[in-house]
């Protein structure tokens, strides 16, 4: 016997909620590599061809209406990348939760609108016999 669509959607929501609890630290934004030129006129970054300083890692994000940029130390790079992945996973899970919630609400509304009727077995009288009985 297969599970009802309602219970399937509800189980999916419960699975998403459990997965959300395991995410760990979160951080929005995007990480980029930056190369800089310094102010020393005899530095290699001014040469031909220039050998710029870097890479430096920069995190850019907007949170609560404010744009921010932070440099990330090489030692912190793996932790920041994990936090960014966790944040993206959070966003994806929230979208899935909303999709499942909408599906569940639609299924519940349909169940209220069209309740399952108990089906009675059809009689074995042919259609012609029923039509003849109505005419008499």
Protein backbone atom coordinates (compact mmCIF):
# COMPACT_ATOMS: atom_id res chain seq x y z
CA UNK A 1 0.00 0.00 0.00
CA UNK A 2 1.45 3.37 -0.99
CA UNK A 3 1.51 6.42 1.27
CA UNK A 4 -0.95 9.19 0.69
CA UNK A 5 0.33 12.34 -1.05
CA UNK A 6 -0.40 14.30 2.14
CA UNK A 7 1.73 12.05 4.33
CA UNK A 8 4.51 12.05 1.72
CA UNK A 9 4.62 15.88 1.69
CA UNK A 10 4.53 15.98 5.50
CA UNK A 11 7.40 13.49 5.74
CA UNK A 12 9.42 15.59 3.28
CA UNK A 13 8.90 18.68 5.47
CA UNK A 14 10.04 16.74 8.55
CA UNK A 15 13.15 15.53 6.68
CA UNK A 16 13.98 19.10 5.65
CA UNK A 17 13.54 20.34 9.23
CA UNK A 18 15.92 17.63 10.50
CA UNK A 19 18.49 18.51 7.84
CA UNK A 20 18.29 22.21 8.71
CA UNK A 21 19.27 21.40 12.28
CA UNK A 22 22.54 19.84 11.09
CA UNK A 23 23.81 22.70 8.92
CA UNK A 24 26.23 24.39 11.29
CA UNK A 25 27.59 27.90 10.89
CA UNK A 26 26.21 30.05 8.07
CA UNK A 27 27.51 33.00 6.09
CA UNK A 28 25.95 34.71 3.07
CA UNK A 29 27.97 36.13 0.23
CA UNK A 30 30.46 35.32 -2.45
CA UNK A 31 34.18 34.82 -2.30
CA UNK A 32 36.58 36.24 -4.86
CA UNK A 33 40.33 36.43 -5.43
CA UNK A 34 41.88 39.85 -5.62
CA UNK A 35 45.30 40.91 -6.92
CA UNK A 36 46.65 44.32 -5.92
CA UNK A 37 49.25 46.83 -7.06
CA UNK A 38 51.14 48.63 -4.33
CA UNK A 39 52.53 52.17 -4.23
CA UNK A 40 56.23 51.27 -4.43
CA UNK A 41 57.52 52.42 -7.86
CA UNK A 42 60.30 49.80 -7.93
CA UNK A 43 58.10 46.84 -6.92
CA UNK A 44 57.56 43.81 -9.16
CA UNK A 45 53.87 44.78 -9.46
CA UNK A 46 54.98 47.81 -11.56
CA UNK A 47 57.24 45.75 -13.83
CA UNK A 48 56.69 44.71 -17.42
CA UNK A 49 54.78 42.42 -17.30
CA UNK A 50 53.42 43.33 -13.88
CA UNK A 51 53.42 40.65 -11.17
CA UNK A 52 50.60 41.75 -8.91
CA UNK A 53 50.41 40.95 -5.19
CA UNK A 54 48.00 38.23 -4.17
CA UNK A 55 45.82 36.39 -4.36
CA UNK A 56 43.87 37.93 -1.51
CA UNK A 57 40.46 36.51 -0.74
CA UNK A 58 37.56 38.86 -0.39
CA UNK A 59 34.07 38.10 0.91
CA UNK A 60 31.25 40.34 -0.34
CA UNK A 61 27.68 40.22 0.91
CA UNK A 62 24.61 42.29 1.65
CA UNK A 63 22.85 41.74 4.95
CA UNK A 64 19.92 43.74 6.30
CA UNK A 65 20.26 46.27 3.53
CA UNK A 66 23.97 46.94 4.05
CA UNK A 67 26.68 45.86 1.63
CA UNK A 68 29.86 44.62 3.22
CA UNK A 69 33.27 43.49 2.04
CA UNK A 70 35.80 41.65 4.20
CA UNK A 71 39.21 40.24 3.48
CA UNK A 72 39.57 36.60 4.47
CA UNK A 73 42.85 35.25 5.76
CA UNK A 74 44.18 32.18 4.03
CA UNK A 75 43.96 30.28 7.36
CA UNK A 76 40.20 31.03 7.55
CA UNK A 77 39.48 30.26 3.90
CA UNK A 78 38.24 26.66 4.31
CA UNK A 79 35.93 27.62 7.22
CA UNK A 80 34.46 30.54 5.25
CA UNK A 81 33.90 28.32 2.20
CA UNK A 82 32.05 25.79 4.38
CA UNK A 83 29.90 28.55 5.89
CA UNK A 84 29.04 29.79 2.38
CA UNK A 85 28.09 26.23 1.31
CA UNK A 86 25.95 25.84 4.44
CA UNK A 87 24.17 29.11 3.68
CA UNK A 88 23.44 28.01 0.10
CA UNK A 89 22.14 24.67 1.41
CA UNK A 90 19.92 26.56 3.86
CA UNK A 91 18.43 28.61 1.03
CA UNK A 92 17.79 25.49 -1.06
CA UNK A 93 16.18 23.63 1.87
CA UNK A 94 13.94 26.60 2.69
CA UNK A 95 12.76 26.68 -0.95
CA UNK A 96 12.04 22.94 -0.82
CA UNK A 97 10.18 23.40 2.49
CA UNK A 98 8.03 26.13 0.96
CA UNK A 99 7.33 23.97 -2.13
CA UNK A 100 6.32 21.03 0.08
CA UNK A 101 4.21 23.33 2.28
CA UNK A 102 2.34 24.68 -0.74
CA UNK A 103 1.80 21.14 -2.04
CA UNK A 104 0.55 20.00 1.38
CA UNK A 105 -1.85 22.95 1.66
CA UNK A 106 -3.22 22.25 -1.83
CA UNK A 107 -3.73 18.57 -1.02
CA UNK A 108 -5.49 19.38 2.25
CA UNK A 109 -7.73 21.93 0.51
CA UNK A 110 -8.63 19.37 -2.16
CA UNK A 111 -9.41 16.78 0.52
CA UNK A 112 -11.80 19.22 2.23
CA UNK A 113 -13.38 20.25 -1.06
CA UNK A 114 -13.78 16.74 -2.44
CA UNK A 115 -14.03 14.32 0.48
CA UNK A 116 -13.62 10.66 -0.38
CA UNK A 117 -17.01 9.09 -0.89
CA UNK A 118 -17.61 5.55 0.12
CA UNK A 119 -18.11 3.71 -3.07
CA UNK A 120 -20.92 1.26 -3.30
CA UNK A 121 -20.51 -1.69 -5.58
CA UNK A 122 -22.25 -1.19 -8.89
CA UNK A 123 -25.14 -3.47 -9.58
CA UNK A 124 -24.75 -5.99 -12.32
CA UNK A 125 -27.88 -4.86 -14.10
CA UNK A 126 -27.10 -3.78 -17.64
CA UNK A 127 -27.70 -0.26 -18.84
CA UNK A 128 -30.44 -1.44 -21.18
CA UNK A 129 -32.29 -3.14 -18.31
CA UNK A 130 -32.12 0.06 -16.21
CA UNK A 131 -33.46 2.14 -19.09
CA UNK A 132 -36.31 -0.32 -19.62
CA UNK A 133 -37.15 -0.27 -15.91
CA UNK A 134 -37.33 3.55 -15.91
CA UNK A 135 -39.71 3.61 -18.84
CA UNK A 136 -42.18 1.22 -17.28
